[in-house]
C-alpha atoms as a PDB file:
ATOM      1  CA  MET A   1     116.806  81.618 110.462  1.00  0.00           C
ATOM      2  CA  ILE A   2     119.953  83.730 110.228  1.00  0.00           C
ATOM      3  CA  PRO A   3     120.445  86.345 107.492  1.00  0.00           C
ATOM      4  CA  ARG A   4     123.233  85.918 104.972  1.00  0.00           C
ATOM      5  CA  PRO A   5     126.437  87.875 105.789  1.00  0.00           C
ATOM      6  CA  PHE A   6     126.293  91.592 105.032  1.00  0.00           C
ATOM      7  CA  GLU A   7     128.272  94.774 105.682  1.00  0.00           C
ATOM      8  CA  TYR A   8     126.656  97.349 107.957  1.00  0.00           C
ATOM      9  CA  HIS A   9     127.039 101.085 107.254  1.00  0.00           C
ATOM     10  CA  ALA A  10     125.834 103.944 109.477  1.00  0.00           C
ATOM     11  CA  PRO A  11     126.401 107.249 107.620  1.00  0.00           C
ATOM     12  CA  VAL A  12     125.959 110.441 109.630  1.00  0.00           C
ATOM     13  CA  ASN A  13     124.878 112.662 106.737  1.00  0.00           C
ATOM     14  CA  LEU A  14     122.829 112.347 103.579  1.00  0.00           C
ATOM     15  CA  PRO A  15     125.677 112.803 101.055  1.00  0.00           C
ATOM     16  CA  ASP A  16     127.499 109.852 102.601  1.00  0.00           C
ATOM     17  CA  ALA A  17     124.346 107.719 102.420  1.00  0.00           C
ATOM     18  CA  LEU A  18     123.841 108.618  98.763  1.00  0.00           C
ATOM     19  CA  SER A  19     127.490 107.836  98.040  1.00  0.00           C
ATOM     20  CA  LEU A  20     127.099 104.391  99.597  1.00  0.00           C
ATOM     21  CA  LEU A  21     123.976 103.768  97.527  1.00  0.00           C
ATOM     22  CA  GLN A  22     125.855 104.693  94.376  1.00  0.00           C
ATOM     23  CA  ARG A  23     128.830 102.534  95.271  1.00  0.00           C
ATOM     24  CA  TYR A  24     126.952  99.360  96.119  1.00  0.00           C
ATOM     25  CA  GLY A  25     123.935  99.683  93.802  1.00  0.00           C
ATOM     26  CA  GLU A  26     121.545  96.742  93.874  1.00  0.00           C
ATOM     27  CA  GLU A  27     123.550  95.070  96.659  1.00  0.00           C
ATOM     28  CA  ALA A  28     122.507  97.824  99.096  1.00  0.00           C
ATOM     29  CA  LYS A  29     119.320  98.209 101.124  1.00  0.00           C
ATOM     30  CA  LEU A  30     118.286 101.193 103.241  1.00  0.00           C
ATOM     31  CA  LEU A  31     117.393 100.564 106.884  1.00  0.00           C
ATOM     32  CA  ALA A  32     114.826 102.839 108.541  1.00  0.00           C
ATOM     33  CA  GLY A  33     112.882 101.273 111.442  1.00  0.00           C
ATOM     34  CA  GLY A  34     113.685  97.767 110.209  1.00  0.00           C
ATOM     35  CA  HIS A  35     110.369  96.152 111.112  1.00  0.00           C
ATOM     36  CA  SER A  36     109.809  94.880 107.573  1.00  0.00           C
ATOM     37  CA  LEU A  37     113.331  94.497 106.200  1.00  0.00           C
ATOM     38  CA  LEU A  38     114.969  92.636 109.099  1.00  0.00           C
ATOM     39  CA  PRO A  39     112.364  89.835 109.289  1.00  0.00           C
ATOM     40  CA  MET A  40     112.649  89.422 105.503  1.00  0.00           C
ATOM     41  CA  MET A  41     116.426  89.164 105.860  1.00  0.00           C
ATOM     42  CA  LYS A  42     116.089  86.531 108.574  1.00  0.00           C
ATOM     43  CA  LEU A  43     113.874  84.484 106.254  1.00  0.00           C
ATOM     44  CA  ARG A  44     116.283  85.232 103.375  1.00  0.00           C
ATOM     45  CA  PHE A  45     113.507  86.702 101.279  1.00  0.00           C
ATOM     46  CA  ALA A  46     115.856  89.716 101.171  1.00  0.00           C
ATOM     47  CA  ALA A  47     119.618  89.224 101.091  1.00  0.00           C
ATOM     48  CA  PRO A  48     121.441  92.546 100.707  1.00  0.00           C
ATOM     49  CA  GLY A  49     125.207  92.536 100.788  1.00  0.00           C
ATOM     50  CA  HIS A  50     125.216  96.022 102.325  1.00  0.00           C
ATOM     51  CA  LEU A  51     122.816  97.525 104.870  1.00  0.00           C
ATOM     52  CA  ILE A  52     122.765 101.342 105.062  1.00  0.00           C
ATOM     53  CA  ASP A  53     121.277 102.529 108.364  1.00  0.00           C
ATOM     54  CA  LEU A  54     119.722 106.022 108.104  1.00  0.00           C
ATOM     55  CA  GLY A  55     119.181 106.348 111.855  1.00  0.00           C
ATOM     56  CA  LYS A  56     122.127 108.687 112.529  1.00  0.00           C
ATOM     57  CA  ILE A  57     121.252 111.248 109.848  1.00  0.00           C
ATOM     58  CA  GLY A  58     119.804 114.170 111.768  1.00  0.00           C
ATOM     59  CA  GLU A  59     118.572 116.048 108.698  1.00  0.00           C
ATOM     60  CA  LEU A  60     116.096 113.243 108.021  1.00  0.00           C
ATOM     61  CA  LYS A  61     114.274 113.845 111.311  1.00  0.00           C
ATOM     62  CA  GLY A  62     111.957 116.520 112.648  1.00  0.00           C
ATOM     63  CA  ILE A  63     108.584 118.215 112.154  1.00  0.00           C
ATOM     64  CA  LYS A  64     108.196 121.867 111.193  1.00  0.00           C
ATOM     65  CA  GLN A  65     105.854 124.295 109.499  1.00  0.00           C
ATOM     66  CA  VAL A  66     107.117 125.819 106.258  1.00  0.00           C
ATOM     67  CA  GLY A  67     104.651 128.419 105.007  1.00  0.00           C
ATOM     68  CA  SER A  68     101.315 126.685 104.430  1.00  0.00           C
ATOM     69  CA  GLU A  69     102.819 123.186 104.669  1.00  0.00           C
ATOM     70  CA  ILE A  70     104.043 120.810 107.339  1.00  0.00           C
ATOM     71  CA  HIS A  71     107.393 119.179 106.531  1.00  0.00           C
ATOM     72  CA  ILE A  72     108.220 115.890 108.251  1.00  0.00           C
ATOM     73  CA  GLY A  73     111.608 114.207 108.043  1.00  0.00           C
ATOM     74  CA  ALA A  74     111.360 110.672 106.717  1.00  0.00           C
ATOM     75  CA  MET A  75     113.136 109.205 109.773  1.00  0.00           C
ATOM     76  CA  THR A  76     110.666 110.777 112.215  1.00  0.00           C
ATOM     77  CA  THR A  77     109.168 108.010 114.363  1.00  0.00           C
ATOM     78  CA  GLU A  78     105.500 107.215 114.835  1.00  0.00           C
ATOM     79  CA  ASN A  79     105.814 108.127 118.496  1.00  0.00           C
ATOM     80  CA  GLU A  80     107.182 111.560 117.573  1.00  0.00           C
ATOM     81  CA  LEU A  81     104.193 112.092 115.275  1.00  0.00           C
ATOM     82  CA  ILE A  82     101.779 111.133 118.041  1.00  0.00           C
ATOM     83  CA  TRP A  83     103.271 113.530 120.589  1.00  0.00           C
ATOM     84  CA  SER A  84     103.844 116.508 118.272  1.00  0.00           C
ATOM     85  CA  PRO A  85     101.839 119.588 119.387  1.00  0.00           C
ATOM     86  CA  LEU A  86     102.212 121.030 115.887  1.00  0.00           C
ATOM     87  CA  LEU A  87     100.643 117.980 114.258  1.00  0.00           C
ATOM     88  CA  ALA A  88      97.914 117.799 116.892  1.00  0.00           C
ATOM     89  CA  ASP A  89      96.975 121.365 115.941  1.00  0.00           C
ATOM     90  CA  LYS A  90      97.487 121.274 112.169  1.00  0.00           C
ATOM     91  CA  LEU A  91      97.233 117.609 111.069  1.00  0.00           C
ATOM     92  CA  PRO A  92      95.177 115.656 113.629  1.00  0.00           C
ATOM     93  CA  LEU A  93      94.341 113.001 111.013  1.00  0.00           C
ATOM     94  CA  LEU A  94      98.021 112.026 110.890  1.00  0.00           C
ATOM     95  CA  VAL A  95      98.216 111.854 114.688  1.00  0.00           C
ATOM     96  CA  GLU A  96      95.124 109.660 114.851  1.00  0.00           C
ATOM     97  CA  GLY A  97      96.470 107.353 112.147  1.00  0.00           C
ATOM     98  CA  ALA A  98      99.907 107.012 113.762  1.00  0.00           C
ATOM     99  CA  GLY A  99      98.279 106.088 117.067  1.00  0.00           C
ATOM    100  CA  LEU A 100      96.597 103.091 115.427  1.00  0.00           C
ATOM    101  CA  ILE A 101      99.816 101.657 114.003  1.00  0.00           C
ATOM    102  CA  SER A 102     100.950  98.398 115.596  1.00  0.00           C
ATOM    103  CA  ASP A 103     101.973  98.698 119.275  1.00  0.00           C
ATOM    104  CA  PRO A 104     104.089 101.090 121.422  1.00  0.00           C
ATOM    105  CA  GLN A 105     107.319  99.138 120.914  1.00  0.00           C
ATOM    106  CA  VAL A 106     106.998  99.405 117.147  1.00  0.00           C
ATOM    107  CA  ARG A 107     105.924 103.059 117.259  1.00  0.00           C
ATOM    108  CA  TYR A 108     109.079 104.044 119.158  1.00  0.00           C
ATOM    109  CA  LYS A 109     111.279 102.745 116.317  1.00  0.00           C
ATOM    110  CA  GLY A 110     109.087 102.641 113.207  1.00  0.00           C
ATOM    111  CA  THR A 111     109.377 105.674 110.912  1.00  0.00           C
ATOM    112  CA  ILE A 112     106.926 107.452 108.648  1.00  0.00           C
ATOM    113  CA  GLY A 113     109.359 107.299 105.734  1.00  0.00           C
ATOM    114  CA  GLY A 114     109.972 103.577 106.065  1.00  0.00           C
ATOM    115  CA  ASP A 115     106.229 102.935 106.185  1.00  0.00           C
ATOM    116  CA  ILE A 116     105.697 104.926 102.974  1.00  0.00           C
ATOM    117  CA  ALA A 117     108.743 103.820 100.973  1.00  0.00           C
ATOM    118  CA  LEU A 118     107.986 100.102 101.398  1.00  0.00           C
ATOM    119  CA  GLY A 119     104.854 100.427  99.265  1.00  0.00           C
ATOM    120  CA  ASP A 120     102.897  97.923 101.364  1.00  0.00           C
ATOM    121  CA  PRO A 121      99.132  98.536 100.902  1.00  0.00           C
ATOM    122  CA  GLY A 122      98.634  97.120 104.412  1.00  0.00           C
ATOM    123  CA  ASN A 123     100.626  99.981 105.940  1.00  0.00           C
ATOM    124  CA  ASP A 124      98.620 102.915 107.255  1.00  0.00           C
ATOM    125  CA  HIS A 125     100.569 105.958 106.093  1.00  0.00           C
ATOM    126  CA  PRO A 126     100.075 105.501 102.331  1.00  0.00           C
ATOM    127  CA  ALA A 127      96.289 105.998 102.512  1.00  0.00           C
ATOM    128  CA  LEU A 128      96.729 108.819 105.024  1.00  0.00           C
ATOM    129  CA  MET A 129      99.101 110.525 102.583  1.00  0.00           C
ATOM    130  CA  LEU A 130      96.536 110.252  99.784  1.00  0.00           C
ATOM    131  CA  ALA A 131      93.819 111.776 101.956  1.00  0.00           C
ATOM    132  CA  LEU A 132      96.180 114.575 103.041  1.00  0.00           C
ATOM    133  CA  ASP A 133      97.314 115.422  99.467  1.00  0.00           C
ATOM    134  CA  ALA A 134     100.923 114.891 100.558  1.00  0.00           C
ATOM    135  CA  SER A 135     104.053 115.063  98.421  1.00  0.00           C
ATOM    136  CA  PHE A 136     107.370 113.267  98.866  1.00  0.00           C
ATOM    137  CA  ALA A 137     110.874 114.698  98.491  1.00  0.00           C
ATOM    138  CA  LEU A 138     113.275 112.167  96.960  1.00  0.00           C
ATOM    139  CA  ARG A 139     117.032 112.785  96.865  1.00  0.00           C
ATOM    140  CA  SER A 140     119.694 111.061  94.782  1.00  0.00           C
ATOM    141  CA  ALA A 141     123.156 111.945  93.523  1.00  0.00           C
ATOM    142  CA  LYS A 142     121.379 113.622  90.575  1.00  0.00           C
ATOM    143  CA  GLY A 143     119.462 116.035  92.826  1.00  0.00           C
ATOM    144  CA  GLU A 144     115.987 116.278  94.326  1.00  0.00           C
ATOM    145  CA  ARG A 145     112.534 115.707  92.908  1.00  0.00           C
ATOM    146  CA  ILE A 146     109.085 116.105  94.486  1.00  0.00           C
ATOM    147  CA  LEU A 147     106.359 113.574  93.698  1.00  0.00           C
ATOM    148  CA  PRO A 148     102.702 113.709  94.804  1.00  0.00           C
ATOM    149  CA  ALA A 149     101.374 110.823  96.879  1.00  0.00           C
ATOM    150  CA  ASP A 150      98.598 110.386  94.322  1.00  0.00           C
ATOM    151  CA  GLY A 151     100.269 108.148  91.735  1.00  0.00           C
ATOM    152  CA  PHE A 152     103.340 107.366  93.866  1.00  0.00           C
ATOM    153  CA  PHE A 153     102.154 103.856  94.768  1.00  0.00           C
ATOM    154  CA  VAL A 154     102.055 101.793  91.587  1.00  0.00           C
ATOM    155  CA  GLY A 155     101.749  98.171  92.742  1.00  0.00           C
ATOM    156  CA  LEU A 156     102.327  95.708  95.557  1.00  0.00           C
ATOM    157  CA  TYR A 157     105.569  96.837  97.266  1.00  0.00           C
ATOM    158  CA  SER A 158     106.176  99.083  94.275  1.00  0.00           C
ATOM    159  CA  THR A 159     106.496 102.874  94.145  1.00  0.00           C
ATOM    160  CA  ARG A 160     107.880 105.513  91.794  1.00  0.00           C
ATOM    161  CA  MET A 161     111.118 105.703  93.784  1.00  0.00           C
ATOM    162  CA  GLU A 162     114.116 104.966  91.581  1.00  0.00           C
ATOM    163  CA  PRO A 163     117.331 103.084  92.483  1.00  0.00           C
ATOM    164  CA  GLY A 164     119.741 105.372  94.333  1.00  0.00           C
ATOM    165  CA  GLU A 165     116.984 107.573  95.786  1.00  0.00           C
ATOM    166  CA  VAL A 166     116.262 108.286  99.448  1.00  0.00           C
ATOM    167  CA  LEU A 167     112.916 109.556 100.690  1.00  0.00           C
ATOM    168  CA  THR A 168     113.998 112.574 102.743  1.00  0.00           C
ATOM    169  CA  ARG A 169     110.798 114.359 103.784  1.00  0.00           C
ATOM    170  CA  ILE A 170     107.032 114.420 103.512  1.00  0.00           C
ATOM    171  CA  GLN A 171     105.296 117.698 102.635  1.00  0.00           C
ATOM    172  CA  ILE A 172     101.647 118.101 103.611  1.00  0.00           C
ATOM    173  CA  PRO A 173      99.458 121.159 102.980  1.00  0.00           C
ATOM    174  CA  ILE A 174      97.737 122.378 106.137  1.00  0.00           C
ATOM    175  CA  PRO A 175      93.975 121.827 105.822  1.00  0.00           C
ATOM    176  CA  ALA A 176      91.757 124.879 106.117  1.00  0.00           C
ATOM    177  CA  ALA A 177      90.211 125.721 109.471  1.00  0.00           C
ATOM    178  CA  GLY A 178      87.075 123.729 110.169  1.00  0.00           C
ATOM    179  CA  THR A 179      88.209 120.581 108.358  1.00  0.00           C
ATOM    180  CA  GLY A 180      87.060 117.380 110.039  1.00  0.00           C
ATOM    181  CA  TRP A 181      89.066 114.172 109.988  1.00  0.00           C
ATOM    182  CA  CYS A 182      88.938 110.486 110.813  1.00  0.00           C
ATOM    183  CA  TYR A 183      90.961 107.333 110.308  1.00  0.00           C
ATOM    184  CA  ALA A 184      88.620 104.388 110.904  1.00  0.00           C
ATOM    185  CA  LYS A 185      90.531 101.108 111.115  1.00  0.00           C
ATOM    186  CA  LEU A 186      89.297  97.562 111.639  1.00  0.00           C
ATOM    187  CA  LYS A 187      91.876  95.084 112.951  1.00  0.00           C
ATOM    188  CA  ARG A 188      91.622  91.784 114.770  1.00  0.00           C
ATOM    189  CA  LYS A 189      93.930  92.704 117.627  1.00  0.00           C
ATOM    190  CA  THR A 190      96.436  95.305 118.782  1.00  0.00           C
ATOM    191  CA  GLY A 191      99.443  95.347 116.499  1.00  0.00           C
ATOM    192  CA  ASP A 192      97.707  93.777 113.513  1.00  0.00           C
ATOM    193  CA  PHE A 193      97.401  95.199 110.015  1.00  0.00           C
ATOM    194  CA  ALA A 194      93.986  96.506 109.026  1.00  0.00           C
ATOM    195  CA  ALA A 195      91.400  94.177 107.567  1.00  0.00           C
ATOM    196  CA  ALA A 196      90.220  97.473 106.063  1.00  0.00           C
ATOM    197  CA  ALA A 197      90.549 101.143 106.947  1.00  0.00           C
ATOM    198  CA  ALA A 198      89.369 104.505 105.628  1.00  0.00           C
ATOM    199  CA  ALA A 199      91.002 107.930 105.900  1.00  0.00           C
ATOM    200  CA  VAL A 200      88.752 110.961 105.485  1.00  0.00           C
ATOM    201  CA  LEU A 201      89.208 114.731 105.427  1.00  0.00           C
ATOM    202  CA  LEU A 202      85.952 116.679 105.192  1.00  0.00           C
ATOM    203  CA  ARG A 203      84.845 120.282 105.354  1.00  0.00           C
ATOM    204  CA  ALA A 204      81.210 121.394 105.308  1.00  0.00           C
ATOM    205  CA  LYS A 205      79.690 124.832 104.807  1.00  0.00           C
ATOM    206  CA  ALA A 206      76.023 125.766 105.173  1.00  0.00           C
ATOM    207  CA  GLY A 207      75.193 122.097 105.625  1.00  0.00           C
ATOM    208  CA  ARG A 208      76.854 120.962 102.396  1.00  0.00           C
ATOM    209  CA  VAL A 209      80.194 119.295 101.717  1.00  0.00           C
ATOM    210  CA  GLU A 210      82.707 121.864 100.516  1.00  0.00           C
ATOM    211  CA  PHE A 211      85.765 119.588 100.439  1.00  0.00           C
ATOM    212  CA  ALA A 212      86.250 115.830 100.760  1.00  0.00           C
ATOM    213  CA  ARG A 213      89.140 113.398 100.552  1.00  0.00           C
ATOM    214  CA  LEU A 214      88.768 109.636 100.956  1.00  0.00           C
ATOM    215  CA  ALA A 215      91.386 106.867 100.786  1.00  0.00           C
ATOM    216  CA  LEU A 216      91.369 103.181 101.735  1.00  0.00           C
ATOM    217  CA  THR A 217      93.941 100.856 103.323  1.00  0.00           C
ATOM    218  CA  ASN A 218      94.592  97.172 102.525  1.00  0.00           C
ATOM    219  CA  VAL A 219      91.790  96.545 100.043  1.00  0.00           C
ATOM    220  CA  GLY A 220      93.869  96.587  96.853  1.00  0.00           C
ATOM    221  CA  GLN A 221      97.371  96.165  95.473  1.00  0.00           C
ATOM    222  CA  THR A 222      97.989  99.802  96.461  1.00  0.00           C
ATOM    223  CA  PRO A 223      96.278 102.227  98.822  1.00  0.00           C
ATOM    224  CA  LEU A 224      93.128 103.387  97.048  1.00  0.00           C
ATOM    225  CA  LYS A 225      92.028 106.972  96.550  1.00  0.00           C
ATOM    226  CA  VAL A 226      88.297 107.283  95.835  1.00  0.00           C
ATOM    227  CA  PRO A 227      87.886 110.323  93.573  1.00  0.00           C
ATOM    228  CA  ALA A 228      84.394 109.281  92.433  1.00  0.00           C
ATOM    229  CA  ALA A 229      83.121 109.497  96.022  1.00  0.00           C
ATOM    230  CA  GLU A 230      84.973 112.767  96.615  1.00  0.00           C
ATOM    231  CA  GLN A 231      83.365 114.307  93.534  1.00  0.00           C
ATOM    232  CA  TYR A 232      79.929 112.906  94.338  1.00  0.00           C
ATOM    233  CA  LEU A 233      79.937 114.434  97.827  1.00  0.00           C
ATOM    234  CA  GLN A 234      80.977 117.879  96.608  1.00  0.00           C
ATOM    235  CA  GLY A 235      78.157 120.365  97.230  1.00  0.00           C
ATOM    236  CA  ARG A 236      75.788 117.792  98.785  1.00  0.00           C
ATOM    237  CA  PRO A 237      74.468 117.537 102.339  1.00  0.00           C
ATOM    238  CA  LEU A 238      76.137 114.576 104.040  1.00  0.00           C
ATOM    239  CA  ASP A 239      72.894 112.778 104.816  1.00  0.00           C
ATOM    240  CA  ASP A 240      72.251 109.043 104.945  1.00  0.00           C
ATOM    241  CA  ALA A 241      71.613 108.842 101.196  1.00  0.00           C
ATOM    242  CA  ALA A 242      74.869 110.619 100.344  1.00  0.00           C
ATOM    243  CA  ILE A 243      76.860 108.434 102.730  1.00  0.00           C
ATOM    244  CA  LYS A 244      75.255 105.304 101.266  1.00  0.00           C
ATOM    245  CA  GLU A 245      76.311 106.309  97.741  1.00  0.00           C
ATOM    246  CA  ALA A 246      79.834 107.268  98.842  1.00  0.00           C
ATOM    247  CA  VAL A 247      80.145 103.861 100.514  1.00  0.00           C
ATOM    248  CA  ARG A 248      78.961 102.142  97.321  1.00  0.00           C
ATOM    249  CA  LEU A 249      81.518 104.042  95.246  1.00  0.00           C
ATOM    250  CA  ALA A 250      84.295 103.164  97.699  1.00  0.00           C
ATOM    251  CA  MET A 251      83.386  99.476  97.734  1.00  0.00           C
ATOM    252  CA  SER A 252      83.184  99.373  93.928  1.00  0.00           C
ATOM    253  CA  ILE A 253      86.963  99.856  93.557  1.00  0.00           C
ATOM    254  CA  CYS A 254      88.032  97.417  96.280  1.00  0.00           C
ATOM    255  CA  LYS A 255      90.008  94.368  95.191  1.00  0.00           C
ATOM    256  CA  PRO A 256      91.346  92.884  98.429  1.00  0.00           C
ATOM    257  CA  SER A 257      93.286  89.656  98.733  1.00  0.00           C
ATOM    258  CA  GLU A 258      91.777  86.831 100.745  1.00  0.00           C
ATOM    259  CA  ASP A 259      93.782  85.927 103.864  1.00  0.00           C
ATOM    260  CA  GLN A 260      93.360  85.155 107.566  1.00  0.00           C
ATOM    261  CA  ARG A 261      91.721  88.565 108.080  1.00  0.00           C
ATOM    262  CA  GLY A 262      88.804  87.668 105.848  1.00  0.00           C
ATOM    263  CA  ASP A 263      87.631  86.809 102.364  1.00  0.00           C
ATOM    264  CA  VAL A 264      87.080  89.275  99.533  1.00  0.00           C
ATOM    265  CA  ALA A 265      83.405  89.906 100.308  1.00  0.00           C
ATOM    266  CA  TYR A 266      84.045  90.513 104.012  1.00  0.00           C
ATOM    267  CA  LYS A 267      86.967  92.884 103.454  1.00  0.00           C
ATOM    268  CA  THR A 268      85.035  94.826 100.840  1.00  0.00           C
ATOM    269  CA  ALA A 269      82.045  95.144 103.167  1.00  0.00           C
ATOM    270  CA  MET A 270      84.330  96.311 105.983  1.00  0.00           C
ATOM    271  CA  ALA A 271      85.878  98.927 103.706  1.00  0.00           C
ATOM    272  CA  GLY A 272      82.348 100.249 103.246  1.00  0.00           C
ATOM    273  CA  GLU A 273      81.677 100.175 106.978  1.00  0.00           C
ATOM    274  CA  MET A 274      84.926 102.005 107.755  1.00  0.00           C
ATOM    275  CA  THR A 275      84.079 104.574 105.075  1.00  0.00           C
ATOM    276  CA  GLN A 276      80.707 105.408 106.574  1.00  0.00           C
ATOM    277  CA  ARG A 277      82.150 105.581 110.104  1.00  0.00           C
ATOM    278  CA  ALA A 278      84.962 107.853 108.950  1.00  0.00           C
ATOM    279  CA  LEU A 279      82.583 110.144 107.036  1.00  0.00           C
ATOM    280  CA  ARG A 280      80.227 110.517 109.992  1.00  0.00           C
ATOM    281  CA  THR A 281      83.054 111.125 112.462  1.00  0.00           C
ATOM    282  CA  ALA A 282      84.797 113.625 110.169  1.00  0.00           C
ATOM    283  CA  LEU A 283      81.517 115.529 109.757  1.00  0.00           C
ATOM    284  CA  SER A 284      81.062 115.672 113.539  1.00  0.00           C
ATOM    285  CA  ARG A 285      84.565 117.152 113.828  1.00  0.00           C
ATOM    286  CA  SER A 286      84.034 119.679 111.044  1.00  0.00           C
ATOM    287  CA  GLN A 287      83.309 123.160 112.396  1.00  0.00           C
END
């Protein structure tokens, strides 16, 4: 199908983009990579009268260290995440996750900010952001506010972003030395969404878990953080019994939708399998 007629805008700075958002209100949609919005426009599930392309705004791109955090511009592409030496050194979990997103063609255009702002629980970055304790900088004509990833995703395609706001950057604290990581993702084929996936950060000391973060992809209406498993693992050796209980706690909060990737029971079981794989791999990478 062909999308309904719309006006295309390509601002070169953030103030101009915010001005356009203010002017056109609900008739405007922001364009990042476009892999979700454009197909929806072709099917006329989305029909904006004005499309605001953020691709020419340089201040929304880039990766840098700011004190004890890594700041990533929202329009930074997946490919730029994958090939960043800084991220490879400081945030290897994010590099691993980005490398499992779709295919090379998509990764050259798809952006981290677009992936997050859509609020799709099938996207990979939301769960990664929960595991990484990330925060999001949101800018509007009223100013800037910073929201934590935990609590940002409130429903299917629904976030705490307000009308007129632009996600400008992602702020991620640098994990302590010796932190292991893993993003374990089950998908039917290259380019597919996950049937289930688990993101883990883990640090062990003297044979016991000192720090743990666990989040799940595509097994609920939002990405799922698993605080019960994180708290259970604290101070325990990560042996088979501990992993079994962490897997049980992770599976207990799963509420996936049945689709061509599997039924509820299968997806829930695979969330458990991805959790145990991610925990074991993260432990092997913890030094």
